[in-house]
PDB file of N, CA and C in Angstrom:
ATOM      1  N   MET A   1      99.074 210.326 176.445  1.00  0.00           N
ATOM      2  CA  MET A   1      98.167 209.499 177.293  1.00  0.00           C
ATOM      3  C   MET A   1      98.354 207.745 176.943  1.00  0.00           C
ATOM      4  N   SER A   2      98.289 207.325 178.075  1.00  0.00           N
ATOM      5  CA  SER A   2      98.394 205.574 177.926  1.00  0.00           C
ATOM      6  C   SER A   2      97.216 204.604 177.994  1.00  0.00           C
ATOM      7  N   ASP A   3      97.507 204.227 177.069  1.00  0.00           N
ATOM      8  CA  ASP A   3      96.514 202.849 177.825  1.00  0.00           C
ATOM      9  C   ASP A   3      96.722 201.529 178.142  1.00  0.00           C
ATOM     10  N   LYS A   4      97.706 201.670 179.298  1.00  0.00           N
ATOM     11  CA  LYS A   4      98.518 200.619 180.367  1.00  0.00           C
ATOM     12  C   LYS A   4      97.317 201.090 180.861  1.00  0.00           C
ATOM     13  N   PRO A   5      96.934 199.768 181.379  1.00  0.00           N
ATOM     14  CA  PRO A   5      96.056 199.221 182.664  1.00  0.00           C
ATOM     15  C   PRO A   5      96.485 200.077 184.138  1.00  0.00           C
ATOM     16  N   PHE A   6      95.867 200.303 184.478  1.00  0.00           N
ATOM     17  CA  PHE A   6      96.239 200.569 186.180  1.00  0.00           C
ATOM     18  C   PHE A   6      95.556 199.836 187.357  1.00  0.00           C
ATOM     19  N   ILE A   7      96.041 200.169 188.516  1.00  0.00           N
ATOM     20  CA  ILE A   7      95.116 199.816 189.493  1.00  0.00           C
ATOM     21  C   ILE A   7      93.823 199.998 189.805  1.00  0.00           C
ATOM     22  N   GLU A   8      92.609 199.901 189.729  1.00  0.00           N
ATOM     23  CA  GLU A   8      91.644 200.658 190.374  1.00  0.00           C
ATOM     24  C   GLU A   8      91.241 199.724 191.681  1.00  0.00           C
ATOM     25  N   LYS A   9      89.977 200.890 192.152  1.00  0.00           N
ATOM     26  CA  LYS A   9      89.384 199.916 193.297  1.00  0.00           C
ATOM     27  C   LYS A   9      87.750 199.542 193.252  1.00  0.00           C
ATOM     28  N   CYS A  10      87.073 198.800 193.467  1.00  0.00           N
ATOM     29  CA  CYS A  10      85.970 198.028 192.954  1.00  0.00           C
ATOM     30  C   CYS A  10      85.480 199.357 194.681  1.00  0.00           C
ATOM     31  N   PHE A  11      84.268 199.915 193.924  1.00  0.00           N
ATOM     32  CA  PHE A  11      84.031 200.826 195.197  1.00  0.00           C
ATOM     33  C   PHE A  11      82.143 199.485 195.883  1.00  0.00           C
ATOM     34  N   LEU A  12      81.677 198.526 194.996  1.00  0.00           N
ATOM     35  CA  LEU A  12      80.871 197.954 195.888  1.00  0.00           C
ATOM     36  C   LEU A  12      81.801 196.993 197.114  1.00  0.00           C
ATOM     37  N   CYS A  13      82.808 195.735 196.356  1.00  0.00           N
ATOM     38  CA  CYS A  13      83.521 194.972 196.939  1.00  0.00           C
ATOM     39  C   CYS A  13      85.249 195.426 197.811  1.00  0.00           C
ATOM     40  N   GLU A  14      85.449 197.015 196.754  1.00  0.00           N
ATOM     41  CA  GLU A  14      86.779 197.327 197.264  1.00  0.00           C
ATOM     42  C   GLU A  14      87.743 196.456 197.707  1.00  0.00           C
ATOM     43  N   ARG A  15      87.748 195.326 196.369  1.00  0.00           N
ATOM     44  CA  ARG A  15      89.245 194.570 196.072  1.00  0.00           C
ATOM     45  C   ARG A  15      89.674 195.304 194.527  1.00  0.00           C
ATOM     46  N   PRO A  16      90.879 195.357 194.737  1.00  0.00           N
ATOM     47  CA  PRO A  16      91.553 195.960 193.592  1.00  0.00           C
ATOM     48  C   PRO A  16      91.348 194.941 192.219  1.00  0.00           C
ATOM     49  N   PHE A  17      91.347 196.109 191.130  1.00  0.00           N
ATOM     50  CA  PHE A  17      91.323 195.157 189.806  1.00  0.00           C
ATOM     51  C   PHE A  17      91.994 196.228 188.821  1.00  0.00           C
ATOM     52  N   HIS A  18      92.164 195.129 187.319  1.00  0.00           N
ATOM     53  CA  HIS A  18      93.049 196.545 186.841  1.00  0.00           C
ATOM     54  C   HIS A  18      91.962 196.942 185.663  1.00  0.00           C
ATOM     55  N   GLY A  19      92.542 198.893 185.857  1.00  0.00           N
ATOM     56  CA  GLY A  19      90.830 199.277 185.283  1.00  0.00           C
ATOM     57  C   GLY A  19      91.713 200.110 184.096  1.00  0.00           C
ATOM     58  N   PRO A  20      90.904 201.470 183.242  1.00  0.00           N
ATOM     59  CA  PRO A  20      89.816 201.691 183.600  1.00  0.00           C
ATOM     60  C   PRO A  20      89.131 200.910 183.364  1.00  0.00           C
ATOM     61  N   HIS A  21      88.701 199.799 182.033  1.00  0.00           N
ATOM     62  CA  HIS A  21      87.709 198.722 181.922  1.00  0.00           C
ATOM     63  C   HIS A  21      88.367 197.737 181.267  1.00  0.00           C
ATOM     64  N   VAL A  22      89.034 197.426 181.561  1.00  0.00           N
ATOM     65  CA  VAL A  22      90.264 195.831 181.150  1.00  0.00           C
ATOM     66  C   VAL A  22      89.407 194.582 182.505  1.00  0.00           C
ATOM     67  N   TYR A  23      89.164 194.919 183.727  1.00  0.00           N
ATOM     68  CA  TYR A  23      88.379 194.103 184.384  1.00  0.00           C
ATOM     69  C   TYR A  23      87.547 194.590 185.474  1.00  0.00           C
ATOM     70  N   GLY A  24      87.096 195.704 184.716  1.00  0.00           N
ATOM     71  CA  GLY A  24      85.771 196.531 185.388  1.00  0.00           C
ATOM     72  C   GLY A  24      85.110 197.573 184.436  1.00  0.00           C
ATOM     73  N   ARG A  25      84.566 198.467 185.150  1.00  0.00           N
ATOM     74  CA  ARG A  25      83.778 199.745 183.993  1.00  0.00           C
ATOM     75  C   ARG A  25      83.974 200.879 185.168  1.00  0.00           C
ATOM     76  N   TYR A  26      83.386 201.923 184.239  1.00  0.00           N
ATOM     77  CA  TYR A  26      83.289 203.095 185.364  1.00  0.00           C
ATOM     78  C   TYR A  26      82.022 203.744 185.065  1.00  0.00           C
ATOM     79  N   ILE A  27      81.278 203.988 186.582  1.00  0.00           N
ATOM     80  CA  ILE A  27      79.844 203.898 185.853  1.00  0.00           C
ATOM     81  C   ILE A  27      79.719 205.775 186.256  1.00  0.00           C
ATOM     82  N   HIS A  28      79.521 206.337 185.004  1.00  0.00           N
ATOM     83  CA  HIS A  28      79.608 207.773 184.793  1.00  0.00           C
ATOM     84  C   HIS A  28      78.689 208.652 185.918  1.00  0.00           C
ATOM     85  N   GLN A  29      77.370 208.595 185.847  1.00  0.00           N
ATOM     86  CA  GLN A  29      76.183 208.507 186.555  1.00  0.00           C
ATOM     87  C   GLN A  29      77.023 208.833 187.920  1.00  0.00           C
ATOM     88  N   TRP A  30      77.694 207.933 188.780  1.00  0.00           N
ATOM     89  CA  TRP A  30      77.503 207.853 189.979  1.00  0.00           C
ATOM     90  C   TRP A  30      79.199 208.109 190.484  1.00  0.00           C
ATOM     91  N   ASP A  31      79.962 208.587 189.182  1.00  0.00           N
ATOM     92  CA  ASP A  31      81.007 208.487 189.433  1.00  0.00           C
ATOM     93  C   ASP A  31      82.161 207.861 190.857  1.00  0.00           C
ATOM     94  N   THR A  32      81.858 206.259 190.178  1.00  0.00           N
ATOM     95  CA  THR A  32      82.087 205.083 190.664  1.00  0.00           C
ATOM     96  C   THR A  32      82.967 204.113 189.586  1.00  0.00           C
ATOM     97  N   SER A  33      83.812 203.288 190.690  1.00  0.00           N
ATOM     98  CA  SER A  33      84.062 202.509 189.468  1.00  0.00           C
ATOM     99  C   SER A  33      83.595 201.310 189.793  1.00  0.00           C
ATOM    100  N   VAL A  34      83.574 200.015 189.092  1.00  0.00           N
ATOM    101  CA  VAL A  34      82.858 198.673 189.948  1.00  0.00           C
ATOM    102  C   VAL A  34      83.901 197.525 188.982  1.00  0.00           C
ATOM    103  N   CYS A  35      84.380 196.564 189.794  1.00  0.00           N
ATOM    104  CA  CYS A  35      85.102 195.357 188.684  1.00  0.00           C
ATOM    105  C   CYS A  35      83.819 194.830 188.118  1.00  0.00           C
ATOM    106  N   SER A  36      84.339 193.429 187.362  1.00  0.00           N
ATOM    107  CA  SER A  36      84.032 192.477 186.484  1.00  0.00           C
ATOM    108  C   SER A  36      82.708 192.046 187.370  1.00  0.00           C
ATOM    109  N   GLN A  37      83.328 191.649 188.076  1.00  0.00           N
ATOM    110  CA  GLN A  37      82.954 190.169 188.943  1.00  0.00           C
ATOM    111  C   GLN A  37      81.589 191.116 189.567  1.00  0.00           C
ATOM    112  N   CYS A  38      81.450 192.070 190.215  1.00  0.00           N
ATOM    113  CA  CYS A  38      80.980 192.812 190.776  1.00  0.00           C
ATOM    114  C   CYS A  38      79.227 193.270 190.281  1.00  0.00           C
ATOM    115  N   TYR A  39      79.942 193.611 188.996  1.00  0.00           N
ATOM    116  CA  TYR A  39      78.551 193.879 187.855  1.00  0.00           C
ATOM    117  C   TYR A  39      78.220 192.853 187.565  1.00  0.00           C
ATOM    118  N   GLY A  40      79.021 191.661 186.883  1.00  0.00           N
ATOM    119  CA  GLY A  40      78.103 190.368 186.332  1.00  0.00           C
ATOM    120  C   GLY A  40      77.296 189.874 187.543  1.00  0.00           C
ATOM    121  N   ALA A  41      78.108 189.429 189.437  1.00  0.00           N
ATOM    122  CA  ALA A  41      76.852 189.430 190.019  1.00  0.00           C
ATOM    123  C   ALA A  41      75.744 190.065 190.265  1.00  0.00           C
ATOM    124  N   ASN A  42      75.638 191.565 189.805  1.00  0.00           N
ATOM    125  CA  ASN A  42      74.634 192.405 190.182  1.00  0.00           C
ATOM    126  C   ASN A  42      73.912 192.657 189.318  1.00  0.00           C
ATOM    127  N   TRP A  43      73.767 191.780 188.091  1.00  0.00           N
ATOM    128  CA  TRP A  43      73.390 192.008 186.546  1.00  0.00           C
ATOM    129  C   TRP A  43      71.985 192.352 186.969  1.00  0.00           C
ATOM    130  N   ASP A  44      71.387 192.066 187.776  1.00  0.00           N
ATOM    131  CA  ASP A  44      69.793 192.121 187.801  1.00  0.00           C
ATOM    132  C   ASP A  44      69.395 193.088 188.699  1.00  0.00           C
ATOM    133  N   GLY A  45      70.430 193.970 189.470  1.00  0.00           N
ATOM    134  CA  GLY A  45      70.509 195.278 190.049  1.00  0.00           C
ATOM    135  C   GLY A  45      70.527 194.786 191.553  1.00  0.00           C
ATOM    136  N   ILE A  46      71.237 196.079 192.331  1.00  0.00           N
ATOM    137  CA  ILE A  46      72.112 195.778 193.577  1.00  0.00           C
ATOM    138  C   ILE A  46      71.222 195.764 194.608  1.00  0.00           C
ATOM    139  N   PRO A  47      71.320 195.181 195.808  1.00  0.00           N
ATOM    140  CA  PRO A  47      70.536 194.901 196.650  1.00  0.00           C
ATOM    141  C   PRO A  47      71.400 196.189 197.682  1.00  0.00           C
ATOM    142  N   PRO A  48      70.220 197.375 198.046  1.00  0.00           N
ATOM    143  CA  PRO A  48      70.559 197.994 199.016  1.00  0.00           C
ATOM    144  C   PRO A  48      70.884 197.922 199.969  1.00  0.00           C
ATOM    145  N   ARG A  49      70.260 196.773 200.798  1.00  0.00           N
ATOM    146  CA  ARG A  49      70.662 196.464 202.189  1.00  0.00           C
ATOM    147  C   ARG A  49      72.320 195.948 202.244  1.00  0.00           C
ATOM    148  N   HIS A  50      72.372 195.077 201.144  1.00  0.00           N
ATOM    149  CA  HIS A  50      74.121 194.598 201.249  1.00  0.00           C
ATOM    150  C   HIS A  50      74.661 195.867 200.428  1.00  0.00           C
ATOM    151  N   HIS A  51      74.701 197.168 199.853  1.00  0.00           N
ATOM    152  CA  HIS A  51      76.082 197.978 199.680  1.00  0.00           C
ATOM    153  C   HIS A  51      74.751 199.218 200.110  1.00  0.00           C
ATOM    154  N   SER A  52      74.448 199.951 201.567  1.00  0.00           N
ATOM    155  CA  SER A  52      74.120 200.871 201.980  1.00  0.00           C
ATOM    156  C   SER A  52      75.646 201.945 201.575  1.00  0.00           C
ATOM    157  N   ARG A  53      76.747 201.528 201.591  1.00  0.00           N
ATOM    158  CA  ARG A  53      77.677 202.585 201.340  1.00  0.00           C
ATOM    159  C   ARG A  53      77.548 203.305 199.782  1.00  0.00           C
ATOM    160  N   LEU A  54      76.542 202.590 198.834  1.00  0.00           N
ATOM    161  CA  LEU A  54      76.324 203.421 197.321  1.00  0.00           C
ATOM    162  C   LEU A  54      75.288 204.076 197.859  1.00  0.00           C
ATOM    163  N   VAL A  55      74.261 203.795 198.825  1.00  0.00           N
ATOM    164  CA  VAL A  55      73.109 204.632 198.561  1.00  0.00           C
ATOM    165  C   VAL A  55      73.638 205.965 199.682  1.00  0.00           C
ATOM    166  N   SER A  56      74.417 205.534 200.643  1.00  0.00           N
ATOM    167  CA  SER A  56      75.034 207.370 200.989  1.00  0.00           C
ATOM    168  C   SER A  56      76.135 207.713 200.126  1.00  0.00           C
ATOM    169  N   HIS A  57      76.684 207.236 199.192  1.00  0.00           N
ATOM    170  CA  HIS A  57      77.514 208.048 198.300  1.00  0.00           C
ATOM    171  C   HIS A  57      76.457 208.709 197.231  1.00  0.00           C
ATOM    172  N   LEU A  58      75.480 208.347 196.819  1.00  0.00           N
ATOM    173  CA  LEU A  58      74.852 208.416 196.016  1.00  0.00           C
ATOM    174  C   LEU A  58      73.960 209.797 196.799  1.00  0.00           C
ATOM    175  N   GLN A  59      73.544 209.876 197.721  1.00  0.00           N
ATOM    176  CA  GLN A  59      73.616 211.092 198.208  1.00  0.00           C
ATOM    177  C   GLN A  59      74.122 212.318 198.881  1.00  0.00           C
ATOM    178  N   SER A  60      74.885 211.342 198.944  1.00  0.00           N
ATOM    179  CA  SER A  60      76.162 212.652 199.047  1.00  0.00           C
ATOM    180  C   SER A  60      76.475 213.551 197.817  1.00  0.00           C
ATOM    181  N   LYS A  61      76.174 212.653 196.320  1.00  0.00           N
ATOM    182  CA  LYS A  61      76.766 213.355 195.406  1.00  0.00           C
ATOM    183  C   LYS A  61      75.255 214.343 194.990  1.00  0.00           C
ATOM    184  N   GLY A  62      74.204 214.317 196.295  1.00  0.00           N
ATOM    185  CA  GLY A  62      72.867 214.525 195.545  1.00  0.00           C
ATOM    186  C   GLY A  62      72.419 213.970 194.367  1.00  0.00           C
ATOM    187  N   LEU A  63      72.471 212.817 194.244  1.00  0.00           N
ATOM    188  CA  LEU A  63      71.816 211.655 193.340  1.00  0.00           C
ATOM    189  C   LEU A  63      70.993 210.882 194.021  1.00  0.00           C
ATOM    190  N   THR A  64      69.706 211.026 193.407  1.00  0.00           N
ATOM    191  CA  THR A  64      68.877 210.041 194.100  1.00  0.00           C
ATOM    192  C   THR A  64      69.053 208.476 192.946  1.00  0.00           C
ATOM    193  N   PRO A  65      69.328 207.339 193.912  1.00  0.00           N
ATOM    194  CA  PRO A  65      69.508 205.910 193.156  1.00  0.00           C
ATOM    195  C   PRO A  65      68.810 206.054 192.367  1.00  0.00           C
ATOM    196  N   PRO A  66      68.869 205.073 190.726  1.00  0.00           N
ATOM    197  CA  PRO A  66      67.979 204.590 190.198  1.00  0.00           C
ATOM    198  C   PRO A  66      67.003 204.454 190.136  1.00  0.00           C
ATOM    199  N   LYS A  67      65.692 203.765 189.419  1.00  0.00           N
ATOM    200  CA  LYS A  67      64.182 203.292 189.677  1.00  0.00           C
ATOM    201  C   LYS A  67      65.008 201.979 190.350  1.00  0.00           C
ATOM    202  N   HIS A  68      64.269 201.799 191.615  1.00  0.00           N
ATOM    203  CA  HIS A  68      64.097 200.018 191.986  1.00  0.00           C
ATOM    204  C   HIS A  68      63.456 198.721 191.311  1.00  0.00           C
ATOM    205  N   ASN A  69      63.693 198.314 190.905  1.00  0.00           N
ATOM    206  CA  ASN A  69      63.114 197.070 190.088  1.00  0.00           C
ATOM    207  C   ASN A  69      62.271 196.221 191.187  1.00  0.00           C
ATOM    208  N   GLU A  70      61.776 195.104 190.223  1.00  0.00           N
ATOM    209  CA  GLU A  70      60.172 194.223 191.489  1.00  0.00           C
ATOM    210  C   GLU A  70      61.008 193.759 192.808  1.00  0.00           C
ATOM    211  N   GLU A  71      62.293 193.145 192.887  1.00  0.00           N
ATOM    212  CA  GLU A  71      62.549 193.000 193.647  1.00  0.00           C
ATOM    213  C   GLU A  71      63.329 194.152 195.063  1.00  0.00           C
ATOM    214  N   GLY A  72      63.242 195.113 194.595  1.00  0.00           N
ATOM    215  CA  GLY A  72      63.403 196.329 195.495  1.00  0.00           C
ATOM    216  C   GLY A  72      64.879 197.022 195.310  1.00  0.00           C
ATOM    217  N   TRP A  73      65.576 196.039 194.301  1.00  0.00           N
ATOM    218  CA  TRP A  73      66.904 196.221 194.088  1.00  0.00           C
ATOM    219  C   TRP A  73      67.441 197.535 193.189  1.00  0.00           C
ATOM    220  N   ILE A  74      68.727 198.237 193.335  1.00  0.00           N
ATOM    221  CA  ILE A  74      68.859 199.325 192.552  1.00  0.00           C
ATOM    222  C   ILE A  74      69.110 198.919 191.092  1.00  0.00           C
ATOM    223  N   ASP A  75      68.462 199.413 190.052  1.00  0.00           N
ATOM    224  CA  ASP A  75      68.988 199.115 188.929  1.00  0.00           C
ATOM    225  C   ASP A  75      70.296 199.853 188.639  1.00  0.00           C
ATOM    226  N   TRP A  76      70.957 199.319 187.737  1.00  0.00           N
ATOM    227  CA  TRP A  76      72.278 199.820 186.861  1.00  0.00           C
ATOM    228  C   TRP A  76      71.868 201.005 185.928  1.00  0.00           C
ATOM    229  N   PRO A  77      72.529 202.578 185.946  1.00  0.00           N
ATOM    230  CA  PRO A  77      72.129 203.530 185.199  1.00  0.00           C
ATOM    231  C   PRO A  77      72.808 202.883 184.007  1.00  0.00           C
ATOM    232  N   THR A  78      71.301 203.758 182.955  1.00  0.00           N
ATOM    233  CA  THR A  78      72.126 203.607 181.476  1.00  0.00           C
ATOM    234  C   THR A  78      72.439 204.206 180.663  1.00  0.00           C
ATOM    235  N   ASP A  79      73.401 204.186 180.437  1.00  0.00           N
ATOM    236  CA  ASP A  79      74.783 204.881 179.816  1.00  0.00           C
ATOM    237  C   ASP A  79      74.030 206.363 180.062  1.00  0.00           C
TER     238      ASP A  79
END
């Protein structure tokens, strides 16, 4: 297996980034990859109305979004 980075597509913004852990991260619980820019920009939660695709993805996998914070945004899973 090579440690050479490859191009991954961010689930939230759909832009390409070098993965798997170079400029982004894989969210195991959600079976998705996100770029560092989206992860950093949404550090305090993911607004569901701006990322309804994420909600649909989680529902299609039989997952419920993690608890919503005070703003009503979806919290990132903790490992």
